[in-house]
């Protein structure tokens, strides 16, 4: 089945591309979602007339994703977890928990956009990708610490500097 893409589709193509897809994928997903239209002479003419509007809409979505990416990269995500012996987490940190913490900070991100291959199961600092748009990927730094340690971590740093200055 040949179709014209009316929007960028991951792993398929960009706006205006003519691609061949399996009939079920085109008929059941792409066409009903408005992401594509069948390749016919009349649809090609209509698409060329609508192309500017679709491109402007796509550019607006990309710009919105870029501003959200700047907010995500500026956000500080610290997750406090309970740990057992050997600093092993009792559970794991998932993309849902990360999305909830970002929402508390005023940054709304769908948990499915956070690229987390495996749940986080140990303490430390992790850099995750947040795919907001096919062309916009934000880097998010997540710090996983022991329960009750986040306040002490921020207080320890100035004390260490003060003791070093006193030693000099």
Protein backbone atom coordinates (compact mmCIF):
# COMPACT_ATOMS: atom_id res chain seq x y z
CA UNK A 1 0.00 0.00 0.00
CA UNK A 2 1.51 3.35 -1.05
CA UNK A 3 0.79 6.39 1.12
CA UNK A 4 1.83 10.04 1.47
CA UNK A 5 2.94 10.94 4.99
CA UNK A 6 1.15 14.00 6.37
CA UNK A 7 3.38 14.11 9.46
CA UNK A 8 6.74 12.76 10.61
CA UNK A 9 6.36 9.13 11.69
CA UNK A 10 9.09 7.37 13.67
CA UNK A 11 10.87 4.59 11.80
CA UNK A 12 8.85 5.31 8.65
CA UNK A 13 9.52 8.72 7.15
CA UNK A 14 9.04 12.47 7.18
CA UNK A 15 6.28 14.80 6.08
CA UNK A 16 5.68 14.48 2.33
CA UNK A 17 7.46 11.17 1.85
CA UNK A 18 5.75 8.56 -0.32
CA UNK A 19 6.27 5.20 1.35
CA UNK A 20 5.02 1.66 1.01
CA UNK A 21 3.53 0.07 4.12
CA UNK A 22 1.63 -3.07 4.89
CA UNK A 23 -2.10 -2.67 4.25
CA UNK A 24 -3.13 -3.29 7.86
CA UNK A 25 -0.73 -0.69 9.26
CA UNK A 26 -1.89 1.91 6.77
CA UNK A 27 -5.61 1.13 6.97
CA UNK A 28 -5.83 0.61 10.75
CA UNK A 29 -3.37 3.18 12.09
CA UNK A 30 -1.92 5.72 9.67
CA UNK A 31 -5.08 6.68 7.76
CA UNK A 32 -7.48 6.93 10.78
CA UNK A 33 -4.91 8.95 12.78
CA UNK A 34 -4.56 11.43 9.91
CA UNK A 35 -0.85 10.68 9.59
CA UNK A 36 -1.10 9.64 5.94
CA UNK A 37 -3.31 9.55 2.86
CA UNK A 38 -3.44 7.18 -0.10
CA UNK A 39 -1.34 7.99 -3.17
CA UNK A 40 -3.76 9.05 -5.90
CA UNK A 41 -3.42 11.90 -8.41
CA UNK A 42 -6.11 13.92 -6.62
CA UNK A 43 -4.56 13.31 -3.17
CA UNK A 44 -1.16 14.40 -4.51
CA UNK A 45 -2.65 17.73 -5.68
CA UNK A 46 -4.47 18.26 -2.39
CA UNK A 47 -1.34 17.42 -0.43
CA UNK A 48 0.78 19.93 -2.35
CA UNK A 49 -1.76 22.64 -1.48
CA UNK A 50 -1.79 21.66 2.21
CA UNK A 51 1.96 21.09 2.48
CA UNK A 52 2.76 24.61 3.75
CA UNK A 53 0.10 24.40 6.46
CA UNK A 54 1.27 20.98 7.57
CA UNK A 55 4.91 22.09 7.59
CA UNK A 56 4.04 25.18 9.68
CA UNK A 57 2.13 23.00 12.14
CA UNK A 58 5.06 20.58 12.35
CA UNK A 59 7.49 23.48 12.91
CA UNK A 60 5.31 24.80 15.74
CA UNK A 61 5.28 21.39 17.41
CA UNK A 62 9.07 21.15 17.03
CA UNK A 63 9.54 24.61 18.58
CA UNK A 64 7.29 23.68 21.50
CA UNK A 65 9.31 20.48 22.00
CA UNK A 66 12.54 22.49 21.97
CA UNK A 67 11.32 24.81 24.75
CA UNK A 68 10.19 21.78 26.77
CA UNK A 69 13.62 20.20 26.21
CA UNK A 70 15.30 23.29 27.69
CA UNK A 71 13.07 23.00 30.79
CA UNK A 72 13.85 19.29 31.12
CA UNK A 73 17.60 19.81 30.86
CA UNK A 74 17.44 22.53 33.53
CA UNK A 75 15.39 20.37 35.92
CA UNK A 76 17.03 18.72 38.91
CA UNK A 77 15.62 15.26 39.51
CA UNK A 78 16.61 13.69 42.83
CA UNK A 79 14.87 10.47 43.78
CA UNK A 80 15.12 9.25 47.34
CA UNK A 81 14.79 5.47 47.71
CA UNK A 82 14.99 2.93 50.50
CA UNK A 83 18.05 0.72 50.31
CA UNK A 84 19.15 -2.47 51.98
CA UNK A 85 22.57 -3.99 52.58
CA UNK A 86 25.20 -3.08 50.04
CA UNK A 87 23.13 -0.08 48.89
CA UNK A 88 20.74 -2.32 46.93
CA UNK A 89 17.37 -0.74 46.18
CA UNK A 90 14.30 -2.48 47.56
CA UNK A 91 12.45 -1.73 44.35
CA UNK A 92 13.46 0.12 41.23
CA UNK A 93 13.11 3.59 39.78
CA UNK A 94 10.80 3.66 36.76
CA UNK A 95 9.95 6.23 34.11
CA UNK A 96 6.59 6.82 35.85
CA UNK A 97 8.35 7.97 39.02
CA UNK A 98 10.64 10.25 37.02
CA UNK A 99 7.66 11.73 35.15
CA UNK A 100 5.84 12.34 38.47
CA UNK A 101 8.83 14.22 39.91
CA UNK A 102 9.10 16.32 36.75
CA UNK A 103 5.36 17.08 36.99
CA UNK A 104 5.88 18.31 40.58
CA UNK A 105 8.46 20.72 39.18
CA UNK A 106 6.00 21.99 36.57
CA UNK A 107 7.39 20.05 33.59
CA UNK A 108 4.74 17.75 32.11
CA UNK A 109 6.30 14.85 30.22
CA UNK A 110 4.62 11.63 29.15
CA UNK A 111 6.38 8.71 30.84
CA UNK A 112 6.60 6.89 27.49
CA UNK A 113 8.85 9.64 26.13
CA UNK A 114 11.50 8.92 28.79
CA UNK A 115 13.91 6.45 27.22
CA UNK A 116 14.66 4.04 30.07
CA UNK A 117 15.89 0.68 28.75
CA UNK A 118 15.84 -1.04 32.13
CA UNK A 119 14.52 0.18 35.49
CA UNK A 120 17.18 1.81 37.65
CA UNK A 121 18.17 -0.61 40.42
CA UNK A 122 21.19 1.05 42.07
CA UNK A 123 22.23 4.38 43.55
CA UNK A 124 24.02 6.93 41.42
CA UNK A 125 23.58 9.55 38.75
CA UNK A 126 22.04 8.61 35.42
CA UNK A 127 21.66 10.54 32.17
CA UNK A 128 18.49 9.62 30.29
CA UNK A 129 17.15 10.64 26.89
CA UNK A 130 13.67 12.16 26.65
CA UNK A 131 12.41 11.91 23.07
CA UNK A 132 9.95 14.77 22.65
CA UNK A 133 9.92 14.91 18.85
CA UNK A 134 11.72 12.95 16.11
CA UNK A 135 14.24 15.80 15.92
CA UNK A 136 14.29 16.91 19.58
CA UNK A 137 15.87 14.75 22.28
CA UNK A 138 16.53 16.21 25.74
CA UNK A 139 19.12 14.92 28.21
CA UNK A 140 17.76 14.44 31.73
CA UNK A 141 20.03 13.87 34.72
CA UNK A 142 18.50 11.71 37.45
CA UNK A 143 20.23 11.35 40.79
CA UNK A 144 19.19 8.33 42.88
CA UNK A 145 20.11 8.70 46.57
CA UNK A 146 19.38 6.99 49.90
CA UNK A 147 16.24 8.05 51.72
CA UNK A 148 17.03 11.17 53.80
CA UNK A 149 20.37 11.78 52.09
CA UNK A 150 19.40 14.49 49.57
CA UNK A 151 19.47 17.26 52.19
CA UNK A 152 22.74 16.01 53.68
CA UNK A 153 24.39 15.75 50.24
CA UNK A 154 23.78 19.43 49.54
CA UNK A 155 25.01 20.39 53.03
CA UNK A 156 28.15 18.22 52.88
CA UNK A 157 29.61 19.95 49.85
CA UNK A 158 30.04 23.41 51.49
CA UNK A 159 31.39 21.81 54.69
CA UNK A 160 34.06 19.94 52.72
CA UNK A 161 35.15 23.19 51.07
CA UNK A 162 35.26 24.98 54.43
CA UNK A 163 37.50 22.30 55.98
CA UNK A 164 39.84 22.44 52.98
CA UNK A 165 40.09 26.24 53.29
CA UNK A 166 40.77 25.95 57.04
CA UNK A 167 43.54 23.40 56.39
CA UNK A 168 45.31 25.83 54.04
